[in-house]
PDB file of N, CA and C in Angstrom:
ATOM      1  N   MET A   1      29.366  -2.954  -9.493  1.00  0.00           N
ATOM      2  CA  MET A   1      28.255  -3.389  -8.508  1.00  0.00           C
ATOM      3  C   MET A   1      29.582  -4.058  -7.985  1.00  0.00           C
ATOM      4  N   LYS A   2      29.416  -3.793  -6.483  1.00  0.00           N
ATOM      5  CA  LYS A   2      29.793  -4.856  -5.591  1.00  0.00           C
ATOM      6  C   LYS A   2      28.829  -5.675  -5.051  1.00  0.00           C
ATOM      7  N   PRO A   3      29.767  -7.224  -4.977  1.00  0.00           N
ATOM      8  CA  PRO A   3      28.982  -8.721  -5.090  1.00  0.00           C
ATOM      9  C   PRO A   3      27.866  -8.270  -3.829  1.00  0.00           C
ATOM     10  N   LYS A   4      26.389  -9.333  -3.203  1.00  0.00           N
ATOM     11  CA  LYS A   4      26.068  -8.912  -2.278  1.00  0.00           C
ATOM     12  C   LYS A   4      25.518 -10.255  -1.626  1.00  0.00           C
ATOM     13  N   PRO A   5      25.923 -10.442   0.032  1.00  0.00           N
ATOM     14  CA  PRO A   5      25.679 -10.934   0.942  1.00  0.00           C
ATOM     15  C   PRO A   5      24.068 -11.632   0.210  1.00  0.00           C
ATOM     16  N   PHE A   6      24.701 -13.429   0.306  1.00  0.00           N
ATOM     17  CA  PHE A   6      22.727 -13.454   0.667  1.00  0.00           C
ATOM     18  C   PHE A   6      22.842 -14.564   1.188  1.00  0.00           C
ATOM     19  N   GLY A   7      23.037 -14.670   2.502  1.00  0.00           N
ATOM     20  CA  GLY A   7      23.001 -16.323   3.406  1.00  0.00           C
ATOM     21  C   GLY A   7      24.060 -16.612   3.613  1.00  0.00           C
ATOM     22  N   GLN A   8      24.732 -17.748   2.980  1.00  0.00           N
ATOM     23  CA  GLN A   8      26.274 -17.558   2.469  1.00  0.00           C
ATOM     24  C   GLN A   8      26.916 -18.258   1.341  1.00  0.00           C
ATOM     25  N   HIS A   9      25.771 -16.972   0.608  1.00  0.00           N
ATOM     26  CA  HIS A   9      25.957 -16.987  -0.974  1.00  0.00           C
ATOM     27  C   HIS A   9      25.591 -15.866  -1.322  1.00  0.00           C
ATOM     28  N   THR A  10      26.767 -15.743  -2.398  1.00  0.00           N
ATOM     29  CA  THR A  10      27.098 -14.352  -2.437  1.00  0.00           C
ATOM     30  C   THR A  10      26.368 -13.558  -4.479  1.00  0.00           C
ATOM     31  N   LEU A  11      24.980 -12.832  -4.242  1.00  0.00           N
ATOM     32  CA  LEU A  11      24.800 -12.229  -5.448  1.00  0.00           C
ATOM     33  C   LEU A  11      25.478 -11.508  -6.281  1.00  0.00           C
ATOM     34  N   TYR A  12      25.365 -12.493  -7.383  1.00  0.00           N
ATOM     35  CA  TYR A  12      27.321 -11.379  -8.205  1.00  0.00           C
ATOM     36  C   TYR A  12      25.947 -10.007  -9.102  1.00  0.00           C
ATOM     37  N   GLY A  13      25.126  -9.949  -9.172  1.00  0.00           N
ATOM     38  CA  GLY A  13      24.510  -8.985 -10.404  1.00  0.00           C
ATOM     39  C   GLY A  13      23.390  -9.745 -11.405  1.00  0.00           C
ATOM     40  N   SER A  14      23.293  -9.493 -12.770  1.00  0.00           N
ATOM     41  CA  SER A  14      22.440 -10.279 -14.097  1.00  0.00           C
ATOM     42  C   SER A  14      23.067 -10.763 -14.461  1.00  0.00           C
ATOM     43  N   THR A  15      22.817 -10.823 -16.109  1.00  0.00           N
ATOM     44  CA  THR A  15      23.419 -11.586 -17.185  1.00  0.00           C
ATOM     45  C   THR A  15      22.424 -11.279 -18.131  1.00  0.00           C
ATOM     46  N   THR A  16      22.714 -11.230 -19.499  1.00  0.00           N
ATOM     47  CA  THR A  16      21.333 -11.712 -20.705  1.00  0.00           C
ATOM     48  C   THR A  16      22.204 -12.459 -21.346  1.00  0.00           C
ATOM     49  N   VAL A  17      20.613 -13.835 -21.437  1.00  0.00           N
ATOM     50  CA  VAL A  17      21.649 -15.055 -22.673  1.00  0.00           C
ATOM     51  C   VAL A  17      21.437 -14.189 -24.556  1.00  0.00           C
ATOM     52  N   GLY A  18      22.168 -14.454 -24.848  1.00  0.00           N
ATOM     53  CA  GLY A  18      22.308 -13.273 -25.988  1.00  0.00           C
ATOM     54  C   GLY A  18      21.901 -15.235 -27.246  1.00  0.00           C
ATOM     55  N   ALA A  19      21.805 -14.316 -28.395  1.00  0.00           N
ATOM     56  CA  ALA A  19      20.854 -14.962 -29.396  1.00  0.00           C
ATOM     57  C   ALA A  19      22.225 -16.294 -29.831  1.00  0.00           C
ATOM     58  N   ARG A  20      23.317 -16.881 -29.526  1.00  0.00           N
ATOM     59  CA  ARG A  20      23.534 -17.808 -29.542  1.00  0.00           C
ATOM     60  C   ARG A  20      23.523 -18.990 -28.849  1.00  0.00           C
ATOM     61  N   GLY A  21      22.663 -18.369 -27.476  1.00  0.00           N
ATOM     62  CA  GLY A  21      22.506 -18.808 -25.820  1.00  0.00           C
ATOM     63  C   GLY A  21      23.404 -18.384 -24.666  1.00  0.00           C
ATOM     64  N   GLN A  22      24.249 -17.857 -25.190  1.00  0.00           N
ATOM     65  CA  GLN A  22      25.857 -17.352 -24.620  1.00  0.00           C
ATOM     66  C   GLN A  22      25.116 -16.181 -23.330  1.00  0.00           C
ATOM     67  N   VAL A  23      25.672 -16.659 -22.457  1.00  0.00           N
ATOM     68  CA  VAL A  23      26.270 -15.902 -21.291  1.00  0.00           C
ATOM     69  C   VAL A  23      27.121 -15.657 -20.638  1.00  0.00           C
ATOM     70  N   VAL A  24      27.331 -14.031 -20.208  1.00  0.00           N
ATOM     71  CA  VAL A  24      28.802 -13.383 -19.313  1.00  0.00           C
ATOM     72  C   VAL A  24      28.627 -13.424 -17.876  1.00  0.00           C
ATOM     73  N   ILE A  25      29.698 -14.265 -17.305  1.00  0.00           N
ATOM     74  CA  ILE A  25      29.644 -14.440 -15.929  1.00  0.00           C
ATOM     75  C   ILE A  25      29.971 -13.128 -15.067  1.00  0.00           C
ATOM     76  N   PRO A  26      29.845 -12.609 -14.900  1.00  0.00           N
ATOM     77  CA  PRO A  26      30.285 -11.275 -14.376  1.00  0.00           C
ATOM     78  C   PRO A  26      31.248 -11.541 -13.501  1.00  0.00           C
ATOM     79  N   ILE A  27      32.379 -10.265 -13.857  1.00  0.00           N
ATOM     80  CA  ILE A  27      33.629 -10.099 -13.942  1.00  0.00           C
ATOM     81  C   ILE A  27      34.117 -10.829 -12.676  1.00  0.00           C
ATOM     82  N   LYS A  28      33.272 -10.171 -11.074  1.00  0.00           N
ATOM     83  CA  LYS A  28      33.546 -10.694  -9.615  1.00  0.00           C
ATOM     84  C   LYS A  28      33.345 -12.064  -8.949  1.00  0.00           C
ATOM     85  N   ALA A  29      32.232 -12.868 -10.538  1.00  0.00           N
ATOM     86  CA  ALA A  29      32.583 -13.648  -9.834  1.00  0.00           C
ATOM     87  C   ALA A  29      33.553 -14.565 -10.471  1.00  0.00           C
ATOM     88  N   ARG A  30      33.814 -14.453 -11.331  1.00  0.00           N
ATOM     89  CA  ARG A  30      34.936 -15.410 -12.518  1.00  0.00           C
ATOM     90  C   ARG A  30      36.142 -14.862 -11.799  1.00  0.00           C
ATOM     91  N   ARG A  31      36.410 -13.976 -10.639  1.00  0.00           N
ATOM     92  CA  ARG A  31      37.382 -13.071 -10.109  1.00  0.00           C
ATOM     93  C   ARG A  31      37.540 -14.572  -8.382  1.00  0.00           C
ATOM     94  N   ASP A  32      36.337 -14.535  -8.129  1.00  0.00           N
ATOM     95  CA  ASP A  32      35.555 -14.699  -6.779  1.00  0.00           C
ATOM     96  C   ASP A  32      36.228 -16.489  -7.279  1.00  0.00           C
ATOM     97  N   LEU A  33      35.607 -16.908  -8.788  1.00  0.00           N
ATOM     98  CA  LEU A  33      35.463 -18.065  -8.278  1.00  0.00           C
ATOM     99  C   LEU A  33      37.160 -18.721  -8.940  1.00  0.00           C
ATOM    100  N   LYS A  34      37.837 -18.128  -9.690  1.00  0.00           N
ATOM    101  CA  LYS A  34      39.241 -18.455  -9.645  1.00  0.00           C
ATOM    102  C   LYS A  34      38.963 -18.919 -11.499  1.00  0.00           C
ATOM    103  N   LEU A  35      37.691 -17.898 -12.514  1.00  0.00           N
ATOM    104  CA  LEU A  35      37.494 -19.272 -13.780  1.00  0.00           C
ATOM    105  C   LEU A  35      38.402 -18.741 -14.663  1.00  0.00           C
ATOM    106  N   LYS A  36      38.526 -19.891 -15.323  1.00  0.00           N
ATOM    107  CA  LYS A  36      40.081 -19.070 -16.185  1.00  0.00           C
ATOM    108  C   LYS A  36      38.600 -19.210 -17.177  1.00  0.00           C
ATOM    109  N   ALA A  37      39.182 -18.643 -18.954  1.00  0.00           N
ATOM    110  CA  ALA A  37      39.011 -19.084 -19.878  1.00  0.00           C
ATOM    111  C   ALA A  37      38.458 -20.196 -20.573  1.00  0.00           C
ATOM    112  N   GLY A  38      38.462 -21.196 -20.891  1.00  0.00           N
ATOM    113  CA  GLY A  38      38.242 -22.186 -21.174  1.00  0.00           C
ATOM    114  C   GLY A  38      38.039 -23.491 -20.111  1.00  0.00           C
ATOM    115  N   GLU A  39      37.441 -23.338 -19.095  1.00  0.00           N
ATOM    116  CA  GLU A  39      37.192 -23.861 -18.684  1.00  0.00           C
ATOM    117  C   GLU A  39      36.304 -24.486 -18.326  1.00  0.00           C
ATOM    118  N   GLU A  40      36.432 -25.956 -18.270  1.00  0.00           N
ATOM    119  CA  GLU A  40      34.714 -26.843 -18.002  1.00  0.00           C
ATOM    120  C   GLU A  40      34.353 -26.924 -17.300  1.00  0.00           C
ATOM    121  N   MET A  41      32.511 -25.802 -17.078  1.00  0.00           N
ATOM    122  CA  MET A  41      31.266 -26.020 -17.074  1.00  0.00           C
ATOM    123  C   MET A  41      30.699 -26.921 -16.621  1.00  0.00           C
ATOM    124  N   LEU A  42      29.625 -27.706 -15.205  1.00  0.00           N
ATOM    125  CA  LEU A  42      28.715 -28.084 -15.987  1.00  0.00           C
ATOM    126  C   LEU A  42      27.412 -27.094 -14.998  1.00  0.00           C
ATOM    127  N   VAL A  43      26.465 -27.463 -16.474  1.00  0.00           N
ATOM    128  CA  VAL A  43      25.259 -27.040 -15.980  1.00  0.00           C
ATOM    129  C   VAL A  43      24.179 -28.126 -16.041  1.00  0.00           C
ATOM    130  N   ALA A  44      23.210 -27.440 -15.008  1.00  0.00           N
ATOM    131  CA  ALA A  44      22.654 -28.665 -14.756  1.00  0.00           C
ATOM    132  C   ALA A  44      20.864 -27.615 -14.102  1.00  0.00           C
ATOM    133  N   GLY A  45      20.180 -27.714 -14.507  1.00  0.00           N
ATOM    134  CA  GLY A  45      18.321 -27.161 -14.165  1.00  0.00           C
ATOM    135  C   GLY A  45      17.978 -27.612 -13.009  1.00  0.00           C
ATOM    136  N   ALA A  46      17.183 -27.312 -12.795  1.00  0.00           N
ATOM    137  CA  ALA A  46      16.182 -27.705 -10.956  1.00  0.00           C
ATOM    138  C   ALA A  46      14.765 -26.865 -11.601  1.00  0.00           C
ATOM    139  N   HIS A  47      13.999 -28.502 -10.945  1.00  0.00           N
ATOM    140  CA  HIS A  47      12.464 -27.877 -10.905  1.00  0.00           C
ATOM    141  C   HIS A  47      11.945 -27.120 -13.116  1.00  0.00           C
ATOM    142  N   GLY A  48      12.848 -26.818 -13.420  1.00  0.00           N
ATOM    143  CA  GLY A  48      12.847 -26.009 -14.536  1.00  0.00           C
ATOM    144  C   GLY A  48      12.211 -25.190 -14.932  1.00  0.00           C
ATOM    145  N   ARG A  49      13.423 -24.217 -13.143  1.00  0.00           N
ATOM    146  CA  ARG A  49      13.079 -23.035 -12.589  1.00  0.00           C
ATOM    147  C   ARG A  49      14.442 -22.326 -13.015  1.00  0.00           C
ATOM    148  N   PHE A  50      15.535 -23.449 -12.468  1.00  0.00           N
ATOM    149  CA  PHE A  50      16.612 -22.770 -12.007  1.00  0.00           C
ATOM    150  C   PHE A  50      17.901 -22.876 -13.202  1.00  0.00           C
ATOM    151  N   LEU A  51      18.953 -22.403 -13.298  1.00  0.00           N
ATOM    152  CA  LEU A  51      20.581 -23.401 -13.774  1.00  0.00           C
ATOM    153  C   LEU A  51      21.063 -23.371 -12.253  1.00  0.00           C
ATOM    154  N   MET A  52      22.395 -23.860 -12.530  1.00  0.00           N
ATOM    155  CA  MET A  52      23.043 -24.319 -11.295  1.00  0.00           C
ATOM    156  C   MET A  52      24.272 -24.260 -12.239  1.00  0.00           C
ATOM    157  N   ILE A  53      26.012 -23.292 -12.260  1.00  0.00           N
ATOM    158  CA  ILE A  53      27.040 -24.251 -12.677  1.00  0.00           C
ATOM    159  C   ILE A  53      27.806 -24.126 -12.398  1.00  0.00           C
ATOM    160  N   MET A  54      28.475 -25.557 -12.385  1.00  0.00           N
ATOM    161  CA  MET A  54      29.534 -25.277 -11.310  1.00  0.00           C
ATOM    162  C   MET A  54      30.511 -26.193 -11.884  1.00  0.00           C
ATOM    163  N   LYS A  55      31.992 -25.736 -11.674  1.00  0.00           N
ATOM    164  CA  LYS A  55      33.255 -26.044 -12.271  1.00  0.00           C
ATOM    165  C   LYS A  55      33.394 -27.723 -11.944  1.00  0.00           C
ATOM    166  N   ILE A  56      34.009 -27.724 -13.134  1.00  0.00           N
ATOM    167  CA  ILE A  56      33.933 -28.877 -13.415  1.00  0.00           C
ATOM    168  C   ILE A  56      34.897 -30.381 -12.671  1.00  0.00           C
ATOM    169  N   SER A  57      36.346 -28.654 -12.429  1.00  0.00           N
ATOM    170  CA  SER A  57      37.120 -29.224 -11.554  1.00  0.00           C
ATOM    171  C   SER A  57      36.838 -29.757  -9.814  1.00  0.00           C
ATOM    172  N   GLU A  58      35.518 -28.417  -9.207  1.00  0.00           N
ATOM    173  CA  GLU A  58      34.817 -28.795  -8.445  1.00  0.00           C
ATOM    174  C   GLU A  58      34.049 -30.444  -7.915  1.00  0.00           C
ATOM    175  N   MET A  59      33.971 -31.006  -8.770  1.00  0.00           N
ATOM    176  CA  MET A  59      32.726 -32.099  -9.147  1.00  0.00           C
ATOM    177  C   MET A  59      33.635 -33.240  -7.746  1.00  0.00           C
ATOM    178  N   LYS A  60      34.792 -33.868  -8.778  1.00  0.00           N
ATOM    179  CA  LYS A  60      35.540 -35.235  -7.710  1.00  0.00           C
ATOM    180  C   LYS A  60      35.152 -34.745  -6.181  1.00  0.00           C
ATOM    181  N   GLY A  61      35.622 -33.464  -6.097  1.00  0.00           N
ATOM    182  CA  GLY A  61      35.394 -32.708  -4.486  1.00  0.00           C
ATOM    183  C   GLY A  61      33.763 -33.019  -3.863  1.00  0.00           C
ATOM    184  N   ILE A  62      33.344 -32.202  -4.126  1.00  0.00           N
ATOM    185  CA  ILE A  62      31.466 -32.623  -3.797  1.00  0.00           C
ATOM    186  C   ILE A  62      31.050 -33.809  -3.668  1.00  0.00           C
ATOM    187  N   MET A  63      31.259 -34.426  -5.205  1.00  0.00           N
ATOM    188  CA  MET A  63      31.326 -35.585  -4.746  1.00  0.00           C
ATOM    189  C   MET A  63      31.584 -37.176  -3.792  1.00  0.00           C
ATOM    190  N   GLU A  64      33.242 -36.903  -2.966  1.00  0.00           N
ATOM    191  CA  GLU A  64      33.516 -37.450  -2.508  1.00  0.00           C
ATOM    192  C   GLU A  64      33.196 -36.818  -0.327  1.00  0.00           C
ATOM    193  N   GLU A  65      32.843 -35.933  -1.001  1.00  0.00           N
ATOM    194  CA  GLU A  65      31.607 -35.180   0.363  1.00  0.00           C
ATOM    195  C   GLU A  65      31.014 -35.419   0.467  1.00  0.00           C
ATOM    196  N   LEU A  66      29.824 -35.870  -0.075  1.00  0.00           N
ATOM    197  CA  LEU A  66      28.129 -36.834  -0.453  1.00  0.00           C
ATOM    198  C   LEU A  66      28.284 -37.673   0.405  1.00  0.00           C
ATOM    199  N   ALA A  67      29.464 -38.801  -0.463  1.00  0.00           N
ATOM    200  CA  ALA A  67      30.513 -40.105  -0.161  1.00  0.00           C
ATOM    201  C   ALA A  67      30.693 -40.309   1.518  1.00  0.00           C
ATOM    202  N   GLU A  68      30.617 -39.561   1.549  1.00  0.00           N
ATOM    203  CA  GLU A  68      31.395 -39.535   3.476  1.00  0.00           C
ATOM    204  C   GLU A  68      30.081 -39.738   4.061  1.00  0.00           C
ATOM    205  N   ARG A  69      29.699 -38.638   3.451  1.00  0.00           N
ATOM    206  CA  ARG A  69      28.077 -37.548   4.598  1.00  0.00           C
ATOM    207  C   ARG A  69      27.134 -39.240   4.359  1.00  0.00           C
ATOM    208  N   ILE A  70      26.736 -40.113   3.211  1.00  0.00           N
ATOM    209  CA  ILE A  70      25.802 -40.333   3.353  1.00  0.00           C
ATOM    210  C   ILE A  70      25.006 -41.857   4.346  1.00  0.00           C
ATOM    211  N   SER A  71      26.038 -42.092   5.090  1.00  0.00           N
ATOM    212  CA  SER A  71      25.733 -42.311   6.483  1.00  0.00           C
ATOM    213  C   SER A  71      25.175 -41.696   7.138  1.00  0.00           C
ATOM    214  N   GLU A  72      24.958 -40.416   7.810  1.00  0.00           N
ATOM    215  CA  GLU A  72      25.225 -39.395   8.137  1.00  0.00           C
ATOM    216  C   GLU A  72      23.221 -39.536   7.792  1.00  0.00           C
ATOM    217  N   PHE A  73      22.964 -38.718   6.023  1.00  0.00           N
ATOM    218  CA  PHE A  73      21.432 -38.607   5.546  1.00  0.00           C
ATOM    219  C   PHE A  73      20.762 -40.428   5.818  1.00  0.00           C
ATOM    220  N   LYS A  74      21.109 -40.755   5.766  1.00  0.00           N
ATOM    221  CA  LYS A  74      20.385 -42.976   5.890  1.00  0.00           C
ATOM    222  C   LYS A  74      19.647 -42.443   7.351  1.00  0.00           C
ATOM    223  N   LYS A  75      20.756 -41.818   8.414  1.00  0.00           N
ATOM    224  CA  LYS A  75      20.577 -41.979   9.815  1.00  0.00           C
ATOM    225  C   LYS A  75      19.124 -40.780  10.178  1.00  0.00           C
ATOM    226  N   LEU A  76      19.399 -39.655   9.360  1.00  0.00           N
ATOM    227  CA  LEU A  76      18.364 -38.208   9.115  1.00  0.00           C
ATOM    228  C   LEU A  76      17.158 -39.303   8.651  1.00  0.00           C
ATOM    229  N   ALA A  77      17.546 -39.642   7.546  1.00  0.00           N
ATOM    230  CA  ALA A  77      16.100 -39.693   6.978  1.00  0.00           C
ATOM    231  C   ALA A  77      15.246 -40.672   7.547  1.00  0.00           C
ATOM    232  N   SER A  78      16.056 -42.109   8.236  1.00  0.00           N
ATOM    233  CA  SER A  78      15.329 -43.255   8.426  1.00  0.00           C
ATOM    234  C   SER A  78      14.333 -42.441  10.298  1.00  0.00           C
ATOM    235  N   THR A  79      15.691 -41.247  10.295  1.00  0.00           N
ATOM    236  CA  THR A  79      14.614 -40.944  11.980  1.00  0.00           C
ATOM    237  C   THR A  79      13.584 -39.758  11.458  1.00  0.00           C
ATOM    238  N   ALA A  80      13.102 -39.090  10.442  1.00  0.00           N
ATOM    239  CA  ALA A  80      12.385 -38.738  10.012  1.00  0.00           C
ATOM    240  C   ALA A  80      11.006 -39.012   9.927  1.00  0.00           C
ATOM    241  N   LYS A  81      10.484 -38.043  10.262  1.00  0.00           N
ATOM    242  CA  LYS A  81       9.268 -37.811  10.823  1.00  0.00           C
ATOM    243  C   LYS A  81       7.895 -38.777   9.457  1.00  0.00           C
ATOM    244  N   LYS A  82       7.387 -39.204   9.012  1.00  0.00           N
ATOM    245  CA  LYS A  82       6.978 -40.119   7.524  1.00  0.00           C
ATOM    246  C   LYS A  82       5.704 -40.035   8.282  1.00  0.00           C
TER     247      LYS A  82
END
């Protein structure tokens, strides 16, 4: 199955939760994201409706990018309609 573009995101297919709570990440996703066996992943939930899985090694870069943009976010928030 070829991954389907979904905006700037990619839909890789589906997986099933096993009896021990494990899921298999589709091979194309593992290849595209260069995931290796034993790699640590961060699992976060949102709104009690979905999960996000991210490489721990990517967290530092994301946090740095957010920190650089905080002043932009503050400016947007202060000009937004209340």
